[in-house]
């Protein structure tokens, strides 16, 4: 199925686009989570933007089918006074803001 192929290709692109100390994992149906260690919010946004451009510019190819994929991302930094769930919620809200603002973009936690 082309959807499964697209998810595998995107997962591979994400894994290739991060450092060996970082983690990438599928987090839901079409959602992925990246944990980027020891960087600030600006650096995380730059990484997400680079990954977004890479995915946008690399079509998924299966036999004679070419599918262009876009990527919306929400970026958040874990704050000292919040729970892991608060952190995930903040990243999720930022992602939905990116999607609701036209998709194929990166939004940072407010």
PDB file of N, CA and C in Angstrom:
ATOM      1  N   UNK A   1       0.845  -1.181   0.000  1.00  0.00           N
ATOM      2  CA  UNK A   1       0.000   0.000   0.000  1.00  0.00           C
ATOM      3  C   UNK A   1       0.895   1.251   0.000  1.00  0.00           C
ATOM      4  N   UNK A   2       0.523   2.225  -0.794  1.00  0.00           N
ATOM      5  CA  UNK A   2       1.345   3.418  -0.976  1.00  0.00           C
ATOM      6  C   UNK A   2       1.462   4.243   0.307  1.00  0.00           C
ATOM      7  N   UNK A   3       0.404   4.265   1.123  1.00  0.00           N
ATOM      8  CA  UNK A   3       0.458   5.002   2.386  1.00  0.00           C
ATOM      9  C   UNK A   3       1.504   4.440   3.332  1.00  0.00           C
ATOM     10  N   UNK A   4       1.569   3.127   3.408  1.00  0.00           N
ATOM     11  CA  UNK A   4       2.581   2.482   4.256  1.00  0.00           C
ATOM     12  C   UNK A   4       3.992   2.759   3.737  1.00  0.00           C
ATOM     13  N   UNK A   5       4.139   2.716   2.418  1.00  0.00           N
ATOM     14  CA  UNK A   5       5.439   3.026   1.821  1.00  0.00           C
ATOM     15  C   UNK A   5       5.850   4.460   2.151  1.00  0.00           C
ATOM     16  N   UNK A   6       4.905   5.380   2.035  1.00  0.00           N
ATOM     17  CA  UNK A   6       5.199   6.786   2.342  1.00  0.00           C
ATOM     18  C   UNK A   6       5.636   6.938   3.793  1.00  0.00           C
ATOM     19  N   UNK A   7       4.953   6.290   4.709  1.00  0.00           N
ATOM     20  CA  UNK A   7       5.338   6.380   6.127  1.00  0.00           C
ATOM     21  C   UNK A   7       6.738   5.813   6.358  1.00  0.00           C
ATOM     22  N   UNK A   8       7.058   4.705   5.709  1.00  0.00           N
ATOM     23  CA  UNK A   8       8.398   4.120   5.867  1.00  0.00           C
ATOM     24  C   UNK A   8       9.468   5.054   5.299  1.00  0.00           C
ATOM     25  N   UNK A   9       9.194   5.638   4.146  1.00  0.00           N
ATOM     26  CA  UNK A   9      10.169   6.552   3.521  1.00  0.00           C
ATOM     27  C   UNK A   9      10.370   7.796   4.380  1.00  0.00           C
ATOM     28  N   UNK A  10       9.288   8.349   4.896  1.00  0.00           N
ATOM     29  CA  UNK A  10       9.400   9.530   5.756  1.00  0.00           C
ATOM     30  C   UNK A  10      10.181   9.178   7.026  1.00  0.00           C
ATOM     31  N   UNK A  11       9.866   8.037   7.619  1.00  0.00           N
ATOM     32  CA  UNK A  11      10.596   7.610   8.823  1.00  0.00           C
ATOM     33  C   UNK A  11      12.094   7.508   8.536  1.00  0.00           C
ATOM     34  N   UNK A  12      12.448   6.960   7.391  1.00  0.00           N
ATOM     35  CA  UNK A  12      13.851   6.852   7.013  1.00  0.00           C
ATOM     36  C   UNK A  12      14.505   8.210   6.840  1.00  0.00           C
ATOM     37  N   UNK A  13      13.792   9.140   6.206  1.00  0.00           N
ATOM     38  CA  UNK A  13      14.317  10.500   6.016  1.00  0.00           C
ATOM     39  C   UNK A  13      14.534  11.176   7.360  1.00  0.00           C
ATOM     40  N   UNK A  14      13.579  11.023   8.271  1.00  0.00           N
ATOM     41  CA  UNK A  14      13.719  11.634   9.592  1.00  0.00           C
ATOM     42  C   UNK A  14      14.919  11.055  10.327  1.00  0.00           C
ATOM     43  N   UNK A  15      15.049   9.733  10.287  1.00  0.00           N
ATOM     44  CA  UNK A  15      16.159   9.084  10.986  1.00  0.00           C
ATOM     45  C   UNK A  15      17.496   9.518  10.401  1.00  0.00           C
ATOM     46  N   UNK A  16      17.580   9.660   9.089  1.00  0.00           N
ATOM     47  CA  UNK A  16      18.818  10.093   8.439  1.00  0.00           C
ATOM     48  C   UNK A  16      19.139  11.556   8.738  1.00  0.00           C
ATOM     49  N   UNK A  17      18.109  12.345   9.042  1.00  0.00           N
ATOM     50  CA  UNK A  17      18.292  13.779   9.219  1.00  0.00           C
ATOM     51  C   UNK A  17      18.595  14.226  10.634  1.00  0.00           C
ATOM     52  N   UNK A  18      18.752  13.275  11.549  1.00  0.00           N
ATOM     53  CA  UNK A  18      19.062  13.630  12.934  1.00  0.00           C
ATOM     54  C   UNK A  18      20.376  12.974  13.351  1.00  0.00           C
ATOM     55  N   UNK A  19      20.904  13.417  14.464  1.00  0.00           N
ATOM     56  CA  UNK A  19      22.167  12.875  14.981  1.00  0.00           C
ATOM     57  C   UNK A  19      21.938  11.505  15.614  1.00  0.00           C
ATOM     58  N   UNK A  20      23.005  10.777  15.814  1.00  0.00           N
ATOM     59  CA  UNK A  20      22.890   9.436  16.403  1.00  0.00           C
ATOM     60  C   UNK A  20      22.403   9.479  17.853  1.00  0.00           C
ATOM     61  N   UNK A  21      22.585  10.600  18.550  1.00  0.00           N
ATOM     62  CA  UNK A  21      22.121  10.694  19.942  1.00  0.00           C
ATOM     63  C   UNK A  21      20.637  11.057  20.030  1.00  0.00           C
ATOM     64  N   UNK A  22      20.034  11.466  18.919  1.00  0.00           N
ATOM     65  CA  UNK A  22      18.629  11.849  18.888  1.00  0.00           C
ATOM     66  C   UNK A  22      17.761  10.621  18.607  1.00  0.00           C
ATOM     67  N   UNK A  23      16.450  10.787  18.756  1.00  0.00           N
ATOM     68  CA  UNK A  23      15.519   9.680  18.530  1.00  0.00           C
ATOM     69  C   UNK A  23      14.375  10.122  17.633  1.00  0.00           C
ATOM     70  N   UNK A  24      13.964   9.220  16.755  1.00  0.00           N
ATOM     71  CA  UNK A  24      12.786   9.435  15.915  1.00  0.00           C
ATOM     72  C   UNK A  24      11.884   8.226  16.072  1.00  0.00           C
ATOM     73  N   UNK A  25      10.584   8.477  16.216  1.00  0.00           N
ATOM     74  CA  UNK A  25       9.635   7.376  16.379  1.00  0.00           C
ATOM     75  C   UNK A  25       8.277   7.764  15.823  1.00  0.00           C
ATOM     76  N   UNK A  26       7.570   6.780  15.323  1.00  0.00           N
ATOM     77  CA  UNK A  26       6.194   7.020  14.907  1.00  0.00           C
ATOM     78  C   UNK A  26       5.370   7.186  16.179  1.00  0.00           C
ATOM     79  N   UNK A  27       4.556   8.225  16.195  1.00  0.00           N
ATOM     80  CA  UNK A  27       3.839   8.598  17.411  1.00  0.00           C
ATOM     81  C   UNK A  27       2.331   8.398  17.279  1.00  0.00           C
ATOM     82  N   UNK A  28       1.858   8.151  16.097  1.00  0.00           N
ATOM     83  CA  UNK A  28       0.440   7.951  15.855  1.00  0.00           C
ATOM     84  C   UNK A  28       0.260   7.594  14.399  1.00  0.00           C
ATOM     85  N   UNK A  29      -0.938   7.688  13.907  1.00  0.00           N
ATOM     86  CA  UNK A  29      -1.236   7.325  12.535  1.00  0.00           C
ATOM     87  C   UNK A  29      -0.266   7.903  11.533  1.00  0.00           C
ATOM     88  N   UNK A  30      -0.227   9.213  11.415  1.00  0.00           N
ATOM     89  CA  UNK A  30       0.677   9.892  10.487  1.00  0.00           C
ATOM     90  C   UNK A  30       1.635  10.820  11.219  1.00  0.00           C
ATOM     91  N   UNK A  31       1.778  10.631  12.498  1.00  0.00           N
ATOM     92  CA  UNK A  31       2.594  11.529  13.296  1.00  0.00           C
ATOM     93  C   UNK A  31       3.886  10.849  13.741  1.00  0.00           C
ATOM     94  N   UNK A  32       4.932  11.659  13.768  1.00  0.00           N
ATOM     95  CA  UNK A  32       6.230  11.212  14.243  1.00  0.00           C
ATOM     96  C   UNK A  32       6.685  12.165  15.332  1.00  0.00           C
ATOM     97  N   UNK A  33       7.509  11.665  16.228  1.00  0.00           N
ATOM     98  CA  UNK A  33       8.101  12.504  17.273  1.00  0.00           C
ATOM     99  C   UNK A  33       9.614  12.400  17.151  1.00  0.00           C
ATOM    100  N   UNK A  34      10.266  13.541  17.280  1.00  0.00           N
ATOM    101  CA  UNK A  34      11.723  13.587  17.316  1.00  0.00           C
ATOM    102  C   UNK A  34      12.129  14.130  18.675  1.00  0.00           C
ATOM    103  N   UNK A  35      13.055  13.476  19.325  1.00  0.00           N
ATOM    104  CA  UNK A  35      13.639  13.981  20.561  1.00  0.00           C
ATOM    105  C   UNK A  35      15.065  14.379  20.231  1.00  0.00           C
ATOM    106  N   UNK A  36      15.330  15.668  20.322  1.00  0.00           N
ATOM    107  CA  UNK A  36      16.628  16.234  19.957  1.00  0.00           C
ATOM    108  C   UNK A  36      17.307  16.720  21.230  1.00  0.00           C
ATOM    109  N   UNK A  37      18.404  16.108  21.576  1.00  0.00           N
ATOM    110  CA  UNK A  37      19.038  16.349  22.864  1.00  0.00           C
ATOM    111  C   UNK A  37      20.046  17.491  22.821  1.00  0.00           C
ATOM    112  N   UNK A  38      20.009  18.336  23.857  1.00  0.00           N
ATOM    113  CA  UNK A  38      21.024  19.344  24.062  1.00  0.00           C
ATOM    114  C   UNK A  38      21.021  20.492  23.078  1.00  0.00           C
ATOM    115  N   UNK A  39      19.881  20.770  22.484  1.00  0.00           N
ATOM    116  CA  UNK A  39      19.790  21.912  21.574  1.00  0.00           C
ATOM    117  C   UNK A  39      18.674  22.834  22.029  1.00  0.00           C
ATOM    118  N   UNK A  40      18.707  24.070  21.561  1.00  0.00           N
ATOM    119  CA  UNK A  40      17.670  25.019  21.961  1.00  0.00           C
ATOM    120  C   UNK A  40      16.521  25.026  20.949  1.00  0.00           C
ATOM    121  N   UNK A  41      15.513  25.799  21.241  1.00  0.00           N
ATOM    122  CA  UNK A  41      14.316  25.850  20.414  1.00  0.00           C
ATOM    123  C   UNK A  41      14.605  26.344  18.999  1.00  0.00           C
ATOM    124  N   UNK A  42      15.488  27.320  18.875  1.00  0.00           N
ATOM    125  CA  UNK A  42      15.845  27.845  17.551  1.00  0.00           C
ATOM    126  C   UNK A  42      16.517  26.764  16.710  1.00  0.00           C
ATOM    127  N   UNK A  43      17.437  26.034  17.311  1.00  0.00           N
ATOM    128  CA  UNK A  43      18.120  24.952  16.595  1.00  0.00           C
ATOM    129  C   UNK A  43      17.138  23.846  16.209  1.00  0.00           C
ATOM    130  N   UNK A  44      16.226  23.526  17.108  1.00  0.00           N
ATOM    131  CA  UNK A  44      15.220  22.496  16.816  1.00  0.00           C
ATOM    132  C   UNK A  44      14.327  22.925  15.653  1.00  0.00           C
ATOM    133  N   UNK A  45      13.969  24.193  15.618  1.00  0.00           N
ATOM    134  CA  UNK A  45      13.152  24.696  14.516  1.00  0.00           C
ATOM    135  C   UNK A  45      13.914  24.599  13.195  1.00  0.00           C
ATOM    136  N   UNK A  46      15.189  24.921  13.215  1.00  0.00           N
ATOM    137  CA  UNK A  46      16.012  24.834  12.004  1.00  0.00           C
ATOM    138  C   UNK A  46      16.108  23.391  11.500  1.00  0.00           C
ATOM    139  N   UNK A  47      16.248  22.448  12.405  1.00  0.00           N
ATOM    140  CA  UNK A  47      16.299  21.036  12.026  1.00  0.00           C
ATOM    141  C   UNK A  47      14.959  20.616  11.429  1.00  0.00           C
ATOM    142  N   UNK A  48      13.861  20.996  12.073  1.00  0.00           N
ATOM    143  CA  UNK A  48      12.530  20.647  11.561  1.00  0.00           C
ATOM    144  C   UNK A  48      12.300  21.252  10.184  1.00  0.00           C
ATOM    145  N   UNK A  49      12.746  22.475   9.981  1.00  0.00           N
ATOM    146  CA  UNK A  49      12.587  23.132   8.682  1.00  0.00           C
ATOM    147  C   UNK A  49      13.427  22.434   7.614  1.00  0.00           C
ATOM    148  N   UNK A  50      14.634  22.041   7.955  1.00  0.00           N
ATOM    149  CA  UNK A  50      15.481  21.317   7.002  1.00  0.00           C
ATOM    150  C   UNK A  50      14.832  19.985   6.617  1.00  0.00           C
ATOM    151  N   UNK A  51      14.299  19.275   7.599  1.00  0.00           N
ATOM    152  CA  UNK A  51      13.613  18.012   7.333  1.00  0.00           C
ATOM    153  C   UNK A  51      12.358  18.239   6.489  1.00  0.00           C
ATOM    154  N   UNK A  52      11.626  19.307   6.784  1.00  0.00           N
ATOM    155  CA  UNK A  52      10.424  19.624   6.012  1.00  0.00           C
ATOM    156  C   UNK A  52      10.757  19.842   4.540  1.00  0.00           C
ATOM    157  N   UNK A  53      11.798  20.623   4.286  1.00  0.00           N
ATOM    158  CA  UNK A  53      12.212  20.884   2.896  1.00  0.00           C
ATOM    159  C   UNK A  53      12.667  19.590   2.212  1.00  0.00           C
ATOM    160  N   UNK A  54      13.424  18.780   2.920  1.00  0.00           N
ATOM    161  CA  UNK A  54      13.915  17.522   2.362  1.00  0.00           C
ATOM    162  C   UNK A  54      12.761  16.608   1.965  1.00  0.00           C
ATOM    163  N   UNK A  55      11.791  16.471   2.840  1.00  0.00           N
ATOM    164  CA  UNK A  55      10.641  15.604   2.551  1.00  0.00           C
ATOM    165  C   UNK A  55       9.821  16.176   1.408  1.00  0.00           C
ATOM    166  N   UNK A  56       9.621  17.481   1.406  1.00  0.00           N
ATOM    167  CA  UNK A  56       8.849  18.130   0.346  1.00  0.00           C
ATOM    168  C   UNK A  56       9.516  17.935  -1.023  1.00  0.00           C
ATOM    169  N   UNK A  57      10.825  17.947  -1.072  1.00  0.00           N
ATOM    170  CA  UNK A  57      11.562  17.893  -2.337  1.00  0.00           C
ATOM    171  C   UNK A  57      11.887  16.477  -2.805  1.00  0.00           C
ATOM    172  N   UNK A  58      11.481  15.469  -2.031  1.00  0.00           N
ATOM    173  CA  UNK A  58      11.798  14.088  -2.368  1.00  0.00           C
ATOM    174  C   UNK A  58      10.509  13.292  -2.536  1.00  0.00           C
ATOM    175  N   UNK A  59      10.047  13.108  -3.770  1.00  0.00           N
ATOM    176  CA  UNK A  59       8.800  12.367  -3.959  1.00  0.00           C
ATOM    177  C   UNK A  59       8.949  10.901  -3.546  1.00  0.00           C
ATOM    178  N   UNK A  60       7.832  10.314  -3.158  1.00  0.00           N
ATOM    179  CA  UNK A  60       7.776   8.886  -2.867  1.00  0.00           C
ATOM    180  C   UNK A  60       7.540   8.193  -4.204  1.00  0.00           C
ATOM    181  N   UNK A  61       8.383   7.216  -4.529  1.00  0.00           N
ATOM    182  CA  UNK A  61       8.286   6.541  -5.819  1.00  0.00           C
ATOM    183  C   UNK A  61       7.998   5.066  -5.586  1.00  0.00           C
ATOM    184  N   UNK A  62       6.946   4.585  -6.244  1.00  0.00           N
ATOM    185  CA  UNK A  62       6.582   3.172  -6.197  1.00  0.00           C
ATOM    186  C   UNK A  62       6.169   2.762  -7.595  1.00  0.00           C
ATOM    187  N   UNK A  63       6.954   1.872  -8.173  1.00  0.00           N
ATOM    188  CA  UNK A  63       6.756   1.468  -9.562  1.00  0.00           C
ATOM    189  C   UNK A  63       6.712   2.724 -10.430  1.00  0.00           C
ATOM    190  N   UNK A  64       5.594   3.049 -11.041  1.00  0.00           N
ATOM    191  CA  UNK A  64       5.530   4.245 -11.890  1.00  0.00           C
ATOM    192  C   UNK A  64       4.695   5.355 -11.254  1.00  0.00           C
ATOM    193  N   UNK A  65       4.543   5.301  -9.947  1.00  0.00           N
ATOM    194  CA  UNK A  65       3.766   6.304  -9.215  1.00  0.00           C
ATOM    195  C   UNK A  65       4.733   7.223  -8.463  1.00  0.00           C
ATOM    196  N   UNK A  66       4.547   8.528  -8.634  1.00  0.00           N
ATOM    197  CA  UNK A  66       5.331   9.533  -7.911  1.00  0.00           C
ATOM    198  C   UNK A  66       4.361  10.324  -7.046  1.00  0.00           C
ATOM    199  N   UNK A  67       4.609  10.360  -5.742  1.00  0.00           N
ATOM    200  CA  UNK A  67       3.737  11.091  -4.830  1.00  0.00           C
ATOM    201  C   UNK A  67       4.562  12.145  -4.102  1.00  0.00           C
ATOM    202  N   UNK A  68       4.113  13.383  -4.207  1.00  0.00           N
ATOM    203  CA  UNK A  68       4.750  14.460  -3.448  1.00  0.00           C
ATOM    204  C   UNK A  68       4.135  14.507  -2.063  1.00  0.00           C
ATOM    205  N   UNK A  69       4.981  14.602  -1.067  1.00  0.00           N
ATOM    206  CA  UNK A  69       4.551  14.584   0.326  1.00  0.00           C
ATOM    207  C   UNK A  69       4.952  15.904   0.965  1.00  0.00           C
ATOM    208  N   UNK A  70       4.094  16.423   1.823  1.00  0.00           N
ATOM    209  CA  UNK A  70       4.443  17.606   2.605  1.00  0.00           C
ATOM    210  C   UNK A  70       4.514  17.227   4.075  1.00  0.00           C
ATOM    211  N   UNK A  71       5.021  18.169   4.855  1.00  0.00           N
ATOM    212  CA  UNK A  71       5.367  17.868   6.240  1.00  0.00           C
ATOM    213  C   UNK A  71       5.060  19.091   7.092  1.00  0.00           C
ATOM    214  N   UNK A  72       4.199  18.931   8.074  1.00  0.00           N
ATOM    215  CA  UNK A  72       3.925  19.988   9.047  1.00  0.00           C
ATOM    216  C   UNK A  72       4.526  19.565  10.379  1.00  0.00           C
ATOM    217  N   UNK A  73       5.149  20.496  11.076  1.00  0.00           N
ATOM    218  CA  UNK A  73       5.818  20.143  12.330  1.00  0.00           C
ATOM    219  C   UNK A  73       5.502  21.153  13.417  1.00  0.00           C
ATOM    220  N   UNK A  74       5.396  20.646  14.623  1.00  0.00           N
ATOM    221  CA  UNK A  74       5.291  21.478  15.808  1.00  0.00           C
ATOM    222  C   UNK A  74       6.537  21.270  16.650  1.00  0.00           C
ATOM    223  N   UNK A  75       7.159  22.364  17.070  1.00  0.00           N
ATOM    224  CA  UNK A  75       8.417  22.291  17.812  1.00  0.00           C
ATOM    225  C   UNK A  75       8.201  22.848  19.213  1.00  0.00           C
ATOM    226  N   UNK A  76       8.658  22.101  20.206  1.00  0.00           N
ATOM    227  CA  UNK A  76       8.560  22.549  21.599  1.00  0.00           C
ATOM    228  C   UNK A  76       9.828  22.128  22.329  1.00  0.00           C
ATOM    229  N   UNK A  77      10.113  22.846  23.391  1.00  0.00           N
ATOM    230  CA  UNK A  77      11.244  22.507  24.252  1.00  0.00           C
ATOM    231  C   UNK A  77      10.685  22.158  25.622  1.00  0.00           C
ATOM    232  N   UNK A  78      11.188  21.077  26.211  1.00  0.00           N
ATOM    233  CA  UNK A  78      10.740  20.670  27.534  1.00  0.00           C
ATOM    234  C   UNK A  78      11.169  21.713  28.554  1.00  0.00           C
ATOM    235  N   UNK A  79      10.207  22.253  29.273  1.00  0.00           N
ATOM    236  CA  UNK A  79      10.474  23.259  30.291  1.00  0.00           C
ATOM    237  C   UNK A  79      10.657  22.566  31.643  1.00  0.00           C
ATOM    238  N   UNK A  80      11.441  23.166  32.514  1.00  0.00           N
ATOM    239  CA  UNK A  80      11.779  22.558  33.803  1.00  0.00           C
ATOM    240  C   UNK A  80      10.558  22.275  34.668  1.00  0.00           C
ATOM    241  N   UNK A  81       9.524  23.082  34.544  1.00  0.00           N
ATOM    242  CA  UNK A  81       8.370  22.952  35.441  1.00  0.00           C
ATOM    243  C   UNK A  81       7.191  22.206  34.826  1.00  0.00           C
ATOM    244  N   UNK A  82       7.383  21.502  33.723  1.00  0.00           N
ATOM    245  CA  UNK A  82       6.242  20.835  33.099  1.00  0.00           C
ATOM    246  C   UNK A  82       6.419  19.322  33.070  1.00  0.00           C
ATOM    247  N   UNK A  83       5.297  18.651  32.939  1.00  0.00           N
ATOM    248  CA  UNK A  83       5.307  17.197  32.846  1.00  0.00           C
ATOM    249  C   UNK A  83       5.586  16.784  31.394  1.00  0.00           C
ATOM    250  N   UNK A  84       5.974  15.548  31.191  1.00  0.00           N
ATOM    251  CA  UNK A  84       6.125  15.074  29.810  1.00  0.00           C
ATOM    252  C   UNK A  84       4.831  15.254  28.994  1.00  0.00           C
ATOM    253  N   UNK A  85       3.682  15.044  29.619  1.00  0.00           N
ATOM    254  CA  UNK A  85       2.418  15.226  28.898  1.00  0.00           C
ATOM    255  C   UNK A  85       2.210  16.685  28.491  1.00  0.00           C
ATOM    256  N   UNK A  86       2.579  17.624  29.368  1.00  0.00           N
ATOM    257  CA  UNK A  86       2.491  19.050  29.010  1.00  0.00           C
ATOM    258  C   UNK A  86       3.367  19.353  27.798  1.00  0.00           C
ATOM    259  N   UNK A  87       4.561  18.779  27.780  1.00  0.00           N
ATOM    260  CA  UNK A  87       5.496  18.959  26.681  1.00  0.00           C
ATOM    261  C   UNK A  87       4.916  18.416  25.372  1.00  0.00           C
ATOM    262  N   UNK A  88       4.370  17.216  25.414  1.00  0.00           N
ATOM    263  CA  UNK A  88       3.770  16.605  24.220  1.00  0.00           C
ATOM    264  C   UNK A  88       2.584  17.433  23.744  1.00  0.00           C
ATOM    265  N   UNK A  89       1.772  17.903  24.673  1.00  0.00           N
ATOM    266  CA  UNK A  89       0.617  18.735  24.317  1.00  0.00           C
ATOM    267  C   UNK A  89       1.068  20.028  23.643  1.00  0.00           C
ATOM    268  N   UNK A  90       2.125  20.638  24.138  1.00  0.00           N
ATOM    269  CA  UNK A  90       2.638  21.880  23.545  1.00  0.00           C
ATOM    270  C   UNK A  90       3.120  21.637  22.116  1.00  0.00           C
ATOM    271  N   UNK A  91       3.835  20.548  21.893  1.00  0.00           N
ATOM    272  CA  UNK A  91       4.315  20.221  20.541  1.00  0.00           C
ATOM    273  C   UNK A  91       3.132  19.920  19.624  1.00  0.00           C
ATOM    274  N   UNK A  92       2.148  19.212  20.129  1.00  0.00           N
ATOM    275  CA  UNK A  92       0.958  18.869  19.351  1.00  0.00           C
ATOM    276  C   UNK A  92       0.177  20.124  18.956  1.00  0.00           C
ATOM    277  N   UNK A  93       0.022  21.049  19.884  1.00  0.00           N
ATOM    278  CA  UNK A  93      -0.672  22.310  19.571  1.00  0.00           C
ATOM    279  C   UNK A  93       0.072  23.089  18.495  1.00  0.00           C
ATOM    280  N   UNK A  94       1.390  23.112  18.587  1.00  0.00           N
ATOM    281  CA  UNK A  94       2.183  23.813  17.575  1.00  0.00           C
ATOM    282  C   UNK A  94       2.018  23.138  16.212  1.00  0.00           C
ATOM    283  N   UNK A  95       1.987  21.807  16.192  1.00  0.00           N
ATOM    284  CA  UNK A  95       1.807  21.098  14.928  1.00  0.00           C
ATOM    285  C   UNK A  95       0.451  21.428  14.309  1.00  0.00           C
ATOM    286  N   UNK A  96      -0.595  21.434  15.109  1.00  0.00           N
ATOM    287  CA  UNK A  96      -1.920  21.761  14.573  1.00  0.00           C
ATOM    288  C   UNK A  96      -1.989  23.214  14.116  1.00  0.00           C
ATOM    289  N   UNK A  97      -1.246  24.086  14.762  1.00  0.00           N
ATOM    290  CA  UNK A  97      -1.178  25.474  14.295  1.00  0.00           C
ATOM    291  C   UNK A  97      -0.521  25.520  12.914  1.00  0.00           C
ATOM    292  N   UNK A  98       0.513  24.727  12.710  1.00  0.00           N
ATOM    293  CA  UNK A  98       1.167  24.654  11.394  1.00  0.00           C
ATOM    294  C   UNK A  98       0.192  24.118  10.351  1.00  0.00           C
ATOM    295  N   UNK A  99      -0.542  23.085  10.693  1.00  0.00           N
ATOM    296  CA  UNK A  99      -1.512  22.517   9.750  1.00  0.00           C
ATOM    297  C   UNK A  99      -2.627  23.505   9.439  1.00  0.00           C
ATOM    298  N   UNK A 100      -3.139  24.156  10.461  1.00  0.00           N
ATOM    299  CA  UNK A 100      -4.255  25.097  10.266  1.00  0.00           C
ATOM    300  C   UNK A 100      -3.834  26.381   9.572  1.00  0.00           C
ATOM    301  N   UNK A 101      -2.530  26.632   9.508  1.00  0.00           N
ATOM    302  CA  UNK A 101      -2.020  27.837   8.842  1.00  0.00           C
ATOM    303  C   UNK A 101      -1.642  27.578   7.389  1.00  0.00           C
ATOM    304  N   UNK A 102      -2.019  26.436   6.880  1.00  0.00           N
ATOM    305  CA  UNK A 102      -1.770  26.155   5.476  1.00  0.00           C
ATOM    306  C   UNK A 102      -0.959  24.904   5.203  1.00  0.00           C
ATOM    307  N   UNK A 103      -0.534  24.212   6.214  1.00  0.00           N
ATOM    308  CA  UNK A 103       0.242  22.979   6.079  1.00  0.00           C
ATOM    309  C   UNK A 103       1.621  23.222   5.481  1.00  0.00           C
ATOM    310  N   UNK A 104       2.425  22.182   5.495  1.00  0.00           N
ATOM    311  CA  UNK A 104       3.780  22.204   4.955  1.00  0.00           C
ATOM    312  C   UNK A 104       4.605  23.343   5.549  1.00  0.00           C
ATOM    313  N   UNK A 105       4.577  23.445   6.867  1.00  0.00           N
ATOM    314  CA  UNK A 105       5.361  24.458   7.550  1.00  0.00           C
ATOM    315  C   UNK A 105       5.681  24.014   8.972  1.00  0.00           C
ATOM    316  N   UNK A 106       6.530  24.761   9.611  1.00  0.00           N
ATOM    317  CA  UNK A 106       6.960  24.471  10.974  1.00  0.00           C
ATOM    318  C   UNK A 106       6.444  25.573  11.882  1.00  0.00           C
ATOM    319  N   UNK A 107       5.830  25.193  12.995  1.00  0.00           N
ATOM    320  CA  UNK A 107       5.371  26.156  13.996  1.00  0.00           C
ATOM    321  C   UNK A 107       6.057  25.835  15.321  1.00  0.00           C
ATOM    322  N   UNK A 108       6.402  26.881  16.036  1.00  0.00           N
ATOM    323  CA  UNK A 108       7.083  26.737  17.326  1.00  0.00           C
ATOM    324  C   UNK A 108       6.099  27.027  18.443  1.00  0.00           C
ATOM    325  N   UNK A 109       6.270  26.303  19.531  1.00  0.00           N
ATOM    326  CA  UNK A 109       5.446  26.499  20.724  1.00  0.00           C
ATOM    327  C   UNK A 109       5.359  27.965  21.086  1.00  0.00           C
ATOM    328  N   UNK A 110       4.177  28.393  21.461  1.00  0.00           N
ATOM    329  CA  UNK A 110       3.993  29.793  21.885  1.00  0.00           C
ATOM    330  C   UNK A 110       4.018  29.903  23.382  1.00  0.00           C
TER     331      UNK A 110
END
